[in-house]
C-alpha atoms as a PDB file:
ATOM      1  CA  MET A   1     -21.286  25.231  11.449  1.00  0.00           C
ATOM      2  CA  SER A   2     -21.740  21.969   9.543  1.00  0.00           C
ATOM      3  CA  LYS A   3     -18.834  19.549   9.579  1.00  0.00           C
ATOM      4  CA  THR A   4     -17.221  18.580   6.249  1.00  0.00           C
ATOM      5  CA  PRO A   5     -18.129  14.940   5.561  1.00  0.00           C
ATOM      6  CA  GLN A   6     -15.290  12.424   5.612  1.00  0.00           C
ATOM      7  CA  ARG A   7     -15.180  11.048   2.095  1.00  0.00           C
ATOM      8  CA  TYR A   8     -12.782   8.219   2.900  1.00  0.00           C
ATOM      9  CA  ARG A   9     -11.219   6.613   5.966  1.00  0.00           C
ATOM     10  CA  SER A  10      -7.755   8.131   6.069  1.00  0.00           C
ATOM     11  CA  LEU A  11      -4.813   6.645   7.952  1.00  0.00           C
ATOM     12  CA  SER A  12      -4.105   9.907   9.794  1.00  0.00           C
ATOM     13  CA  SER A  13      -7.642  10.124  11.189  1.00  0.00           C
ATOM     14  CA  TRP A  14      -7.687   6.413  12.072  1.00  0.00           C
ATOM     15  CA  LEU A  15      -4.380   6.684  13.955  1.00  0.00           C
ATOM     16  CA  LYS A  16      -5.618   9.744  15.811  1.00  0.00           C
ATOM     17  CA  GLU A  17      -8.788   7.892  16.805  1.00  0.00           C
ATOM     18  CA  THR A  18      -6.714   4.900  17.935  1.00  0.00           C
ATOM     19  CA  PHE A  19      -4.027   6.739  19.914  1.00  0.00           C
ATOM     20  CA  GLY A  20      -5.764  10.004  20.777  1.00  0.00           C
ATOM     21  CA  GLU A  21      -3.133  12.108  18.995  1.00  0.00           C
ATOM     22  CA  PRO A  22      -1.360  12.332  15.630  1.00  0.00           C
ATOM     23  CA  VAL A  23       1.121   9.545  14.890  1.00  0.00           C
ATOM     24  CA  ARG A  24       4.025   9.946  12.462  1.00  0.00           C
ATOM     25  CA  LYS A  25       5.709   7.228  10.404  1.00  0.00           C
ATOM     26  CA  ILE A  26       9.469   6.753  10.424  1.00  0.00           C
ATOM     27  CA  ALA A  27      10.794   5.341   7.133  1.00  0.00           C
ATOM     28  CA  LEU A  28      13.571   2.849   7.899  1.00  0.00           C
ATOM     29  CA  ASP A  29      16.080   1.174   5.592  1.00  0.00           C
ATOM     30  CA  ALA A  30      17.362  -2.194   6.837  1.00  0.00           C
ATOM     31  CA  GLY A  31      19.393  -2.985   3.732  1.00  0.00           C
ATOM     32  CA  PHE A  32      17.274  -5.935   2.631  1.00  0.00           C
ATOM     33  CA  SER A  33      17.337  -7.248  -0.907  1.00  0.00           C
ATOM     34  CA  CYS A  34      14.570  -8.685  -3.080  1.00  0.00           C
ATOM     35  CA  PRO A  35      14.214 -12.009  -4.933  1.00  0.00           C
ATOM     36  CA  ASN A  36      13.630  -9.944  -8.050  1.00  0.00           C
ATOM     37  CA  ARG A  37      17.075  -8.376  -7.599  1.00  0.00           C
ATOM     38  CA  ASP A  38      19.334 -11.017  -6.061  1.00  0.00           C
ATOM     39  CA  GLY A  39      18.834 -13.664  -8.745  1.00  0.00           C
ATOM     40  CA  ALA A  40      16.319 -15.869  -6.924  1.00  0.00           C
ATOM     41  CA  LEU A  41      13.607 -14.776  -9.378  1.00  0.00           C
ATOM     42  CA  GLY A  42      15.468 -12.235 -11.476  1.00  0.00           C
ATOM     43  CA  SER A  43      18.068  -9.504 -11.390  1.00  0.00           C
ATOM     44  CA  ALA A  44      16.444  -6.531 -13.128  1.00  0.00           C
ATOM     45  CA  GLY A  45      13.691  -5.867 -10.596  1.00  0.00           C
ATOM     46  CA  CYS A  46      10.126  -4.903 -11.452  1.00  0.00           C
ATOM     47  CA  LEU A  47       9.544  -2.863 -14.595  1.00  0.00           C
ATOM     48  CA  TYR A  48       9.100   0.409 -12.664  1.00  0.00           C
ATOM     49  CA  CYS A  49      11.638  -0.136  -9.868  1.00  0.00           C
ATOM     50  CA  ASN A  50      15.067   1.453  -9.674  1.00  0.00           C
ATOM     51  CA  PRO A  51      18.051  -0.015  -7.790  1.00  0.00           C
ATOM     52  CA  ARG A  52      17.230   2.110  -4.714  1.00  0.00           C
ATOM     53  CA  GLY A  53      13.873   0.377  -4.301  1.00  0.00           C
ATOM     54  CA  SER A  54      12.104   3.518  -3.066  1.00  0.00           C
ATOM     55  CA  GLY A  55      14.252   3.491   0.044  1.00  0.00           C
ATOM     56  CA  THR A  56      16.322   6.105   1.819  1.00  0.00           C
ATOM     57  CA  GLY A  57      19.669   4.373   1.423  1.00  0.00           C
ATOM     58  CA  ALA A  58      20.371   5.098   5.084  1.00  0.00           C
ATOM     59  CA  LEU A  59      21.847   1.707   5.928  1.00  0.00           C
ATOM     60  CA  ALA A  60      24.129   1.811   2.886  1.00  0.00           C
ATOM     61  CA  ALA A  61      25.323   5.173   4.217  1.00  0.00           C
ATOM     62  CA  GLY A  62      26.368   3.453   7.448  1.00  0.00           C
ATOM     63  CA  ILE A  63      23.428   4.522   9.638  1.00  0.00           C
ATOM     64  CA  PRO A  64      22.146   1.563  11.727  1.00  0.00           C
ATOM     65  CA  ILE A  65      18.445   1.111  12.521  1.00  0.00           C
ATOM     66  CA  ARG A  66      18.848   2.374  16.091  1.00  0.00           C
ATOM     67  CA  GLU A  67      20.352   5.640  14.874  1.00  0.00           C
ATOM     68  CA  GLN A  68      17.795   6.010  12.059  1.00  0.00           C
ATOM     69  CA  VAL A  69      15.033   5.813  14.668  1.00  0.00           C
ATOM     70  CA  ASP A  70      16.736   8.228  17.062  1.00  0.00           C
ATOM     71  CA  ARG A  71      17.392  10.810  14.341  1.00  0.00           C
ATOM     72  CA  ALA A  72      13.833  10.615  13.001  1.00  0.00           C
ATOM     73  CA  ILE A  73      12.231  10.966  16.426  1.00  0.00           C
ATOM     74  CA  ALA A  74      14.417  13.964  17.247  1.00  0.00           C
ATOM     75  CA  PHE A  75      13.580  15.669  13.935  1.00  0.00           C
ATOM     76  CA  LEU A  76       9.842  14.944  13.927  1.00  0.00           C
ATOM     77  CA  SER A  77       9.454  15.867  17.586  1.00  0.00           C
ATOM     78  CA  ARG A  78      11.186  19.168  17.005  1.00  0.00           C
ATOM     79  CA  ARG A  79       9.372  20.008  13.756  1.00  0.00           C
ATOM     80  CA  TYR A  80       5.852  18.749  14.471  1.00  0.00           C
ATOM     81  CA  GLY A  81       5.738  18.173  18.213  1.00  0.00           C
ATOM     82  CA  SER A  82       5.079  14.478  17.557  1.00  0.00           C
ATOM     83  CA  GLY A  83       5.104  12.077  20.481  1.00  0.00           C
ATOM     84  CA  LYS A  84       4.125   8.756  18.901  1.00  0.00           C
ATOM     85  CA  PHE A  85       5.581   6.968  15.893  1.00  0.00           C
ATOM     86  CA  ILE A  86       5.187   3.973  13.583  1.00  0.00           C
ATOM     87  CA  ALA A  87       8.433   2.285  12.509  1.00  0.00           C
ATOM     88  CA  TYR A  88       8.041   1.639   8.785  1.00  0.00           C
ATOM     89  CA  PHE A  89      10.374  -0.747   6.966  1.00  0.00           C
ATOM     90  CA  GLN A  90       9.867   0.499   3.432  1.00  0.00           C
ATOM     91  CA  SER A  91      12.738  -0.294   1.084  1.00  0.00           C
ATOM     92  CA  PHE A  92      12.729  -3.597  -0.828  1.00  0.00           C
ATOM     93  CA  THR A  93      11.464  -6.846   0.799  1.00  0.00           C
ATOM     94  CA  ASN A  94      11.517  -6.529   4.576  1.00  0.00           C
ATOM     95  CA  THR A  95      10.684 -10.153   5.421  1.00  0.00           C
ATOM     96  CA  TYR A  96      13.376 -11.539   3.126  1.00  0.00           C
ATOM     97  CA  ALA A  97      15.714 -12.980   5.781  1.00  0.00           C
ATOM     98  CA  ASP A  98      15.710 -15.655   8.439  1.00  0.00           C
ATOM     99  CA  PRO A  99      13.329 -15.064  11.389  1.00  0.00           C
ATOM    100  CA  ALA A 100      16.114 -14.550  13.945  1.00  0.00           C
ATOM    101  CA  ARG A 101      17.703 -11.733  11.974  1.00  0.00           C
ATOM    102  CA  LEU A 102      14.329 -10.156  11.283  1.00  0.00           C
ATOM    103  CA  GLN A 103      13.353 -10.284  14.948  1.00  0.00           C
ATOM    104  CA  THR A 104      16.593  -8.529  15.937  1.00  0.00           C
ATOM    105  CA  ILE A 105      16.053  -5.771  13.369  1.00  0.00           C
ATOM    106  CA  TYR A 106      12.401  -5.243  14.276  1.00  0.00           C
ATOM    107  CA  ALA A 107      13.268  -5.157  17.981  1.00  0.00           C
ATOM    108  CA  GLU A 108      15.830  -2.401  17.322  1.00  0.00           C
ATOM    109  CA  ALA A 109      13.105  -0.315  15.691  1.00  0.00           C
ATOM    110  CA  LEU A 110      10.678  -0.908  18.559  1.00  0.00           C
ATOM    111  CA  ARG A 111      13.044  -0.346  21.470  1.00  0.00           C
ATOM    112  CA  ARG A 112      11.858   3.180  22.312  1.00  0.00           C
ATOM    113  CA  PRO A 113       8.495   3.672  24.036  1.00  0.00           C
ATOM    114  CA  GLU A 114       7.523   6.422  21.578  1.00  0.00           C
ATOM    115  CA  VAL A 115       7.391   3.807  18.806  1.00  0.00           C
ATOM    116  CA  VAL A 116       3.855   2.471  19.180  1.00  0.00           C
ATOM    117  CA  GLY A 117       3.662   0.388  16.037  1.00  0.00           C
ATOM    118  CA  LEU A 118       5.447  -1.453  13.265  1.00  0.00           C
ATOM    119  CA  ALA A 119       4.726  -1.460   9.509  1.00  0.00           C
ATOM    120  CA  ILE A 120       6.545  -3.971   7.305  1.00  0.00           C
ATOM    121  CA  GLY A 121       6.633  -3.611   3.523  1.00  0.00           C
ATOM    122  CA  THR A 122       7.190  -6.868   1.641  1.00  0.00           C
ATOM    123  CA  ARG A 123       6.176  -9.190  -1.197  1.00  0.00           C
ATOM    124  CA  PRO A 124       3.396 -11.748  -0.705  1.00  0.00           C
ATOM    125  CA  ASP A 125       5.686 -14.565  -1.820  1.00  0.00           C
ATOM    126  CA  CYS A 126       8.238 -13.815   0.922  1.00  0.00           C
ATOM    127  CA  VAL A 127       6.303 -14.531   4.130  1.00  0.00           C
ATOM    128  CA  PRO A 128       6.879 -18.121   5.259  1.00  0.00           C
ATOM    129  CA  ASP A 129       4.863 -19.279   8.255  1.00  0.00           C
ATOM    130  CA  GLU A 130       7.827 -19.075  10.635  1.00  0.00           C
ATOM    131  CA  VAL A 131       8.265 -15.375   9.817  1.00  0.00           C
ATOM    132  CA  LEU A 132       4.551 -14.715  10.270  1.00  0.00           C
ATOM    133  CA  ASP A 133       4.616 -16.559  13.610  1.00  0.00           C
ATOM    134  CA  MET A 134       7.445 -14.326  14.819  1.00  0.00           C
ATOM    135  CA  ILE A 135       5.626 -11.173  13.660  1.00  0.00           C
ATOM    136  CA  ALA A 136       2.443 -12.356  15.391  1.00  0.00           C
ATOM    137  CA  LEU A 137       4.337 -12.500  18.692  1.00  0.00           C
ATOM    138  CA  LEU A 138       5.526  -8.924  18.165  1.00  0.00           C
ATOM    139  CA  ALA A 139       1.928  -7.897  17.479  1.00  0.00           C
ATOM    140  CA  GLU A 140       0.719  -9.004  20.916  1.00  0.00           C
ATOM    141  CA  GLY A 141      -0.232  -5.752  22.637  1.00  0.00           C
ATOM    142  CA  ARG A 142       1.177  -3.616  19.818  1.00  0.00           C
ATOM    143  CA  LEU A 143      -0.019  -2.251  16.474  1.00  0.00           C
ATOM    144  CA  VAL A 144       1.616  -4.212  13.644  1.00  0.00           C
ATOM    145  CA  TRP A 145       0.672  -4.491  10.002  1.00  0.00           C
ATOM    146  CA  ILE A 146       2.279  -6.013   6.916  1.00  0.00           C
ATOM    147  CA  GLU A 147       2.129  -4.118   3.621  1.00  0.00           C
ATOM    148  CA  TYR A 148       1.902  -6.457   0.658  1.00  0.00           C
ATOM    149  CA  GLY A 149       2.886  -5.264  -2.806  1.00  0.00           C
ATOM    150  CA  LEU A 150       0.096  -6.695  -4.925  1.00  0.00           C
ATOM    151  CA  GLN A 151      -0.221  -3.902  -7.542  1.00  0.00           C
ATOM    152  CA  SER A 152      -2.933  -5.727  -9.543  1.00  0.00           C
ATOM    153  CA  ILE A 153      -4.968  -8.937  -9.420  1.00  0.00           C
ATOM    154  CA  HIS A 154      -4.576  -9.420 -13.170  1.00  0.00           C
ATOM    155  CA  SER A 155      -1.986 -12.043 -14.060  1.00  0.00           C
ATOM    156  CA  ARG A 156      -1.198 -10.428 -17.413  1.00  0.00           C
ATOM    157  CA  SER A 157      -0.267  -7.177 -15.629  1.00  0.00           C
ATOM    158  CA  LEU A 158       1.889  -8.963 -13.057  1.00  0.00           C
ATOM    159  CA  ARG A 159       3.754 -10.755 -15.844  1.00  0.00           C
ATOM    160  CA  LEU A 160       4.238  -7.501 -17.740  1.00  0.00           C
ATOM    161  CA  ILE A 161       5.739  -5.690 -14.757  1.00  0.00           C
ATOM    162  CA  ARG A 162       7.840  -8.764 -13.827  1.00  0.00           C
ATOM    163  CA  ARG A 163       6.507  -9.222 -10.320  1.00  0.00           C
ATOM    164  CA  GLY A 164       7.584 -12.849 -10.234  1.00  0.00           C
ATOM    165  CA  HIS A 165       4.386 -14.038  -8.533  1.00  0.00           C
ATOM    166  CA  GLY A 166       0.718 -14.306  -9.379  1.00  0.00           C
ATOM    167  CA  PRO A 167      -2.328 -12.925  -7.555  1.00  0.00           C
ATOM    168  CA  GLU A 168      -2.828 -16.205  -5.709  1.00  0.00           C
ATOM    169  CA  ALA A 169       0.337 -15.513  -3.663  1.00  0.00           C
ATOM    170  CA  PHE A 170      -1.271 -12.319  -2.344  1.00  0.00           C
ATOM    171  CA  PHE A 171      -4.535 -13.947  -1.335  1.00  0.00           C
ATOM    172  CA  ASP A 172      -2.673 -16.783   0.392  1.00  0.00           C
ATOM    173  CA  ALA A 173      -0.399 -14.371   2.279  1.00  0.00           C
ATOM    174  CA  VAL A 174      -3.331 -12.211   3.422  1.00  0.00           C
ATOM    175  CA  ALA A 175      -5.282 -15.247   4.625  1.00  0.00           C
ATOM    176  CA  ARG A 176      -2.325 -16.602   6.616  1.00  0.00           C
ATOM    177  CA  THR A 177      -1.574 -13.167   8.080  1.00  0.00           C
ATOM    178  CA  ARG A 178      -5.180 -12.587   9.126  1.00  0.00           C
ATOM    179  CA  GLN A 179      -5.230 -16.011  10.808  1.00  0.00           C
ATOM    180  CA  ARG A 180      -2.514 -14.666  13.110  1.00  0.00           C
ATOM    181  CA  ARG A 181      -4.450 -11.443  13.821  1.00  0.00           C
ATOM    182  CA  VAL A 182      -1.818  -9.257  12.170  1.00  0.00           C
ATOM    183  CA  GLY A 183      -3.012  -6.314  10.071  1.00  0.00           C
ATOM    184  CA  THR A 184      -2.679  -6.294   6.294  1.00  0.00           C
ATOM    185  CA  VAL A 185      -2.313  -3.464   3.761  1.00  0.00           C
ATOM    186  CA  ALA A 186      -2.444  -3.912  -0.027  1.00  0.00           C
ATOM    187  CA  HIS A 187      -0.374  -1.742  -2.364  1.00  0.00           C
ATOM    188  CA  LEU A 188      -2.187  -1.091  -5.650  1.00  0.00           C
ATOM    189  CA  ILE A 189      -0.710   0.638  -8.696  1.00  0.00           C
ATOM    190  CA  LEU A 190      -3.110   2.671 -10.819  1.00  0.00           C
ATOM    191  CA  GLY A 191      -2.397   3.130 -14.511  1.00  0.00           C
ATOM    192  CA  LEU A 192      -0.355   0.015 -15.227  1.00  0.00           C
ATOM    193  CA  PRO A 193       0.299  -0.500 -18.953  1.00  0.00           C
ATOM    194  CA  GLY A 194      -2.800  -1.893 -20.642  1.00  0.00           C
ATOM    195  CA  GLU A 195      -5.095  -1.663 -17.616  1.00  0.00           C
ATOM    196  CA  SER A 196      -8.525  -0.054 -17.855  1.00  0.00           C
ATOM    197  CA  LEU A 197     -10.707   1.513 -15.173  1.00  0.00           C
ATOM    198  CA  ASP A 198     -12.647  -1.741 -15.007  1.00  0.00           C
ATOM    199  CA  ASP A 199      -9.396  -3.638 -14.379  1.00  0.00           C
ATOM    200  CA  MET A 200      -8.544  -1.326 -11.479  1.00  0.00           C
ATOM    201  CA  ARG A 201     -12.089  -1.604 -10.119  1.00  0.00           C
ATOM    202  CA  GLU A 202     -11.854  -5.413 -10.210  1.00  0.00           C
ATOM    203  CA  THR A 203      -8.612  -5.270  -8.223  1.00  0.00           C
ATOM    204  CA  ALA A 204     -10.256  -3.044  -5.586  1.00  0.00           C
ATOM    205  CA  ILE A 205     -13.230  -5.401  -5.284  1.00  0.00           C
ATOM    206  CA  ALA A 206     -10.949  -8.435  -4.925  1.00  0.00           C
ATOM    207  CA  VAL A 207      -8.725  -6.958  -2.199  1.00  0.00           C
ATOM    208  CA  GLY A 208     -11.816  -5.802  -0.323  1.00  0.00           C
ATOM    209  CA  ARG A 209     -13.208  -9.322  -0.400  1.00  0.00           C
ATOM    210  CA  ALA A 210      -9.843 -10.648   0.818  1.00  0.00           C
ATOM    211  CA  GLY A 211     -10.397  -8.707   4.055  1.00  0.00           C
ATOM    212  CA  VAL A 212      -7.423  -6.344   4.001  1.00  0.00           C
ATOM    213  CA  ASP A 213      -7.340  -3.683   6.705  1.00  0.00           C
ATOM    214  CA  GLY A 214      -5.781  -0.978   4.554  1.00  0.00           C
ATOM    215  CA  VAL A 215      -4.916   0.040   1.011  1.00  0.00           C
ATOM    216  CA  LYS A 216      -2.227   2.235  -0.541  1.00  0.00           C
ATOM    217  CA  LEU A 217      -2.884   3.679  -3.978  1.00  0.00           C
ATOM    218  CA  HIS A 218       0.052   4.562  -6.227  1.00  0.00           C
ATOM    219  CA  PRO A 219      -0.658   6.215  -9.587  1.00  0.00           C
ATOM    220  CA  LEU A 220       2.222   4.916 -11.699  1.00  0.00           C
ATOM    221  CA  TYR A 221       5.089   7.229 -12.589  1.00  0.00           C
ATOM    222  CA  VAL A 222       8.274   6.777 -14.594  1.00  0.00           C
ATOM    223  CA  VAL A 223      11.585   6.757 -12.720  1.00  0.00           C
ATOM    224  CA  ALA A 224      14.908   7.426 -14.435  1.00  0.00           C
ATOM    225  CA  GLY A 225      17.004   4.356 -15.121  1.00  0.00           C
ATOM    226  CA  THR A 226      14.123   1.876 -15.131  1.00  0.00           C
ATOM    227  CA  ASP A 227      12.823  -0.342 -17.903  1.00  0.00           C
ATOM    228  CA  LEU A 228       9.545   1.562 -17.675  1.00  0.00           C
ATOM    229  CA  GLU A 229      11.480   4.633 -18.816  1.00  0.00           C
ATOM    230  CA  LYS A 230      12.706   2.689 -21.861  1.00  0.00           C
ATOM    231  CA  LEU A 231       9.162   1.542 -22.597  1.00  0.00           C
ATOM    232  CA  ALA A 232       7.839   5.100 -22.335  1.00  0.00           C
ATOM    233  CA  LYS A 233      10.569   6.472 -24.635  1.00  0.00           C
ATOM    234  CA  GLU A 234       9.704   3.808 -27.194  1.00  0.00           C
ATOM    235  CA  GLY A 235       6.054   4.857 -27.110  1.00  0.00           C
ATOM    236  CA  GLY A 236       4.883   1.721 -25.322  1.00  0.00           C
ATOM    237  CA  TYR A 237       3.624   3.470 -22.219  1.00  0.00           C
ATOM    238  CA  GLU A 238       2.005   6.812 -21.488  1.00  0.00           C
ATOM    239  CA  PRO A 239       1.454   7.863 -17.851  1.00  0.00           C
ATOM    240  CA  LEU A 240      -1.960   8.877 -16.578  1.00  0.00           C
ATOM    241  CA  THR A 241      -2.913  12.514 -16.832  1.00  0.00           C
ATOM    242  CA  GLU A 242      -3.873  14.126 -13.546  1.00  0.00           C
ATOM    243  CA  GLU A 243      -7.552  13.928 -14.517  1.00  0.00           C
ATOM    244  CA  GLN A 244      -7.224  10.230 -15.404  1.00  0.00           C
ATOM    245  CA  ALA A 245      -5.497   9.551 -12.078  1.00  0.00           C
ATOM    246  CA  GLN A 246      -8.311  11.328 -10.240  1.00  0.00           C
ATOM    247  CA  GLU A 247     -10.891   9.213 -12.060  1.00  0.00           C
ATOM    248  CA  ALA A 248      -9.001   6.016 -11.200  1.00  0.00           C
ATOM    249  CA  ILE A 249      -8.727   6.978  -7.519  1.00  0.00           C
ATOM    250  CA  ILE A 250     -12.439   7.800  -7.340  1.00  0.00           C
ATOM    251  CA  THR A 251     -13.317   4.503  -9.054  1.00  0.00           C
ATOM    252  CA  VAL A 252     -11.192   2.444  -6.661  1.00  0.00           C
ATOM    253  CA  LEU A 253     -12.363   4.255  -3.515  1.00  0.00           C
ATOM    254  CA  ALA A 254     -15.992   3.729  -4.477  1.00  0.00           C
ATOM    255  CA  ALA A 255     -15.358  -0.022  -4.877  1.00  0.00           C
ATOM    256  CA  LEU A 256     -13.483  -0.527  -1.581  1.00  0.00           C
ATOM    257  CA  PRO A 257     -15.282  -1.425   1.656  1.00  0.00           C
ATOM    258  CA  PRO A 258     -15.913   1.674   3.815  1.00  0.00           C
ATOM    259  CA  GLU A 259     -14.047   0.177   6.771  1.00  0.00           C
ATOM    260  CA  VAL A 260     -10.742  -0.186   4.879  1.00  0.00           C
ATOM    261  CA  VAL A 261      -8.196   2.426   5.980  1.00  0.00           C
ATOM    262  CA  ILE A 262      -6.710   4.412   3.091  1.00  0.00           C
ATOM    263  CA  HIS A 263      -2.987   4.755   3.784  1.00  0.00           C
ATOM    264  CA  ARG A 264      -2.177   6.681   0.611  1.00  0.00           C
ATOM    265  CA  LEU A 265      -4.101   8.202  -2.296  1.00  0.00           C
ATOM    266  CA  THR A 266      -1.368   9.768  -4.405  1.00  0.00           C
ATOM    267  CA  SER A 267       2.215   9.032  -5.377  1.00  0.00           C
ATOM    268  CA  ASP A 268       5.137  11.014  -3.990  1.00  0.00           C
ATOM    269  CA  PRO A 269       8.099  10.617  -6.363  1.00  0.00           C
ATOM    270  CA  HIS A 270      11.578  11.920  -5.722  1.00  0.00           C
ATOM    271  CA  ARG A 271      12.027  15.079  -7.791  1.00  0.00           C
ATOM    272  CA  GLU A 272      15.529  14.137  -8.932  1.00  0.00           C
ATOM    273  CA  GLU A 273      14.383  10.737 -10.235  1.00  0.00           C
ATOM    274  CA  LEU A 274      11.024  11.542 -11.836  1.00  0.00           C
ATOM    275  CA  VAL A 275      10.805  11.410 -15.643  1.00  0.00           C
ATOM    276  CA  ALA A 276       7.019  11.607 -16.034  1.00  0.00           C
ATOM    277  CA  PRO A 277       4.331  12.709 -15.365  1.00  0.00           C
ATOM    278  CA  THR A 278       5.626  16.066 -14.169  1.00  0.00           C
ATOM    279  CA  TRP A 279       2.251  17.091 -12.698  1.00  0.00           C
ATOM    280  CA  MET A 280       3.090  14.887  -9.691  1.00  0.00           C
ATOM    281  CA  LEU A 281       5.771  17.367  -8.605  1.00  0.00           C
ATOM    282  CA  ASP A 282       3.071  19.852  -7.566  1.00  0.00           C
ATOM    283  CA  ARG A 283       2.375  17.826  -4.433  1.00  0.00           C
ATOM    284  CA  ASN A 284       0.209  20.296  -2.558  1.00  0.00           C
ATOM    285  CA  GLY A 285      -1.699  21.219  -5.703  1.00  0.00           C
ATOM    286  CA  VAL A 286      -2.270  17.566  -6.597  1.00  0.00           C
ATOM    287  CA  ARG A 287      -3.727  16.822  -3.169  1.00  0.00           C
ATOM    288  CA  ARG A 288      -5.880  19.953  -3.198  1.00  0.00           C
ATOM    289  CA  ARG A 289      -7.269  19.249  -6.657  1.00  0.00           C
ATOM    290  CA  LEU A 290      -7.893  15.613  -5.742  1.00  0.00           C
ATOM    291  CA  GLU A 291      -9.934  16.635  -2.704  1.00  0.00           C
ATOM    292  CA  GLN A 292     -11.909  18.976  -4.961  1.00  0.00           C
ATOM    293  CA  ALA A 293     -12.492  16.144  -7.444  1.00  0.00           C
ATOM    294  CA  LEU A 294     -13.692  13.856  -4.646  1.00  0.00           C
ATOM    295  CA  GLU A 295     -16.101  16.526  -3.481  1.00  0.00           C
ATOM    296  CA  HIS A 296     -17.318  17.256  -6.996  1.00  0.00           C
ATOM    297  CA  ALA A 297     -17.957  13.534  -7.534  1.00  0.00           C
ATOM    298  CA  SER A 298     -19.761  13.332  -4.159  1.00  0.00           C
ATOM    299  CA  LEU A 299     -17.439  10.404  -3.480  1.00  0.00           C
ATOM    300  CA  VAL A 300     -18.038   8.389  -0.338  1.00  0.00           C
ATOM    301  CA  GLN A 301     -15.775   5.373   0.098  1.00  0.00           C
ATOM    302  CA  GLY A 302     -17.650   2.120  -0.468  1.00  0.00           C
ATOM    303  CA  THR A 303     -20.584   3.666  -2.330  1.00  0.00           C
ATOM    304  CA  GLU A 304     -20.310   1.293  -5.293  1.00  0.00           C
ATOM    305  CA  ARG A 305     -19.669  -1.677  -3.024  1.00  0.00           C
ATOM    306  CA  THR A 306     -22.784  -0.949  -0.963  1.00  0.00           C
ATOM    307  CA  SER A 307     -24.869  -0.667  -4.128  1.00  0.00           C
ATOM    308  CA  ARG A 308     -23.331  -3.848  -5.532  1.00  0.00           C
ATOM    309  CA  LEU A 309     -24.027  -5.845  -2.366  1.00  0.00           C
ATOM    310  CA  ALA A 310     -27.591  -4.561  -2.359  1.00  0.00           C
ATOM    311  CA  ARG A 311     -28.034  -5.649  -5.983  1.00  0.00           C
ATOM    312  CA  GLU A 312     -26.564  -9.068  -5.221  1.00  0.00           C
ATOM    313  CA  GLY A 313     -28.897  -9.369  -2.239  1.00  0.00           C
ATOM    314  CA  ASP A 314     -31.882  -8.459  -4.410  1.00  0.00           C
ATOM    315  CA  ARG A 315     -30.898 -11.129  -6.942  1.00  0.00           C
ATOM    316  CA  GLU A 316     -30.585 -13.769  -4.218  1.00  0.00           C
ATOM    317  CA  ARG A 317     -33.982 -12.824  -2.777  1.00  0.00           C
ATOM    318  CA  THR A 318     -35.516 -12.958  -6.250  1.00  0.00           C
ATOM    319  CA  LYS A 319     -34.063 -16.448  -6.787  1.00  0.00           C
ATOM    320  CA  SER A 320     -35.339 -17.566  -3.406  1.00  0.00           C
ATOM    321  CA  GLU A 321     -38.825 -16.212  -4.071  1.00  0.00           C
ATOM    322  CA  ALA A 322     -38.890 -17.860  -7.496  1.00  0.00           C
ATOM    323  CA  MET A 323     -38.070 -21.306  -6.101  1.00  0.00           C
ATOM    324  CA  PRO A 324     -41.055 -23.604  -5.570  1.00  0.00           C
ATOM    325  CA  LYS A 325     -42.095 -23.744  -1.949  1.00  0.00           C
ATOM    326  CA  GLU A 326     -42.294 -27.055  -0.162  1.00  0.00           C
ATOM    327  CA  LYS A 327     -45.760 -27.960   0.972  1.00  0.00           C
END
């Protein structure tokens, strides 16, 4: 029986290759803030972000990190038989504190031997060298990566969504993180207001050239209580259709290097918060139809990049051959 070809390098398969068994992520909420919320850069947050910041709210409910980890391991072990876990600091900006406090919090998440890795979600303008140095020490002999919320390389888009930083902050943060041999993951939003397929392709090409280890793709959706909801109600924004999202995902995957690990392909909104598009609520159906679209498109991650590099190589060889030879 022929084996189904792997169309992209998924996180689940990469973790299984690395650890010899499935590895589950534990979403942790350390109660951090964000410079876009606490007044350092702004108070309203990004255009699409609600006050919860995509987090669980566990710390606000009085559940410390140690207990969050213990509860998650007990649940996931019982439900899935999982034995290894990645501690994932997801909500808001998880490097936005002094290094001593951060080290204490990270150490709490890593205290159990079942936790084999650490994932830290943050902004690229919130990683001073002293924080990266501390994280690099944690990464010695352990899997650690930092997830940077880039969203787009286009300055006009970053201004529109009120990120509070430009693309140069991302490239600087990735370079400094890679110097310390810590993994990097780029978060990209597909379907930002005013962005075309070519814009999204250019972002994929740029993050690939930056040398990121992984990418998360998030087709944009509208959350209740956000300024994006106001914009959509006023007719200033229309979410991607499912078919448009599929086309964007295929375009970006084709432009990414084949070695980049794909941490996420689709968005997973909270049902009680989602305003639009409602097709995202059919989670299993969305994933099934996306896999079918990838197969129909004969998508193999990096196909466009390989072709582009070949074309660039041909042009360089043509230039070289056209140059007069020294005698």
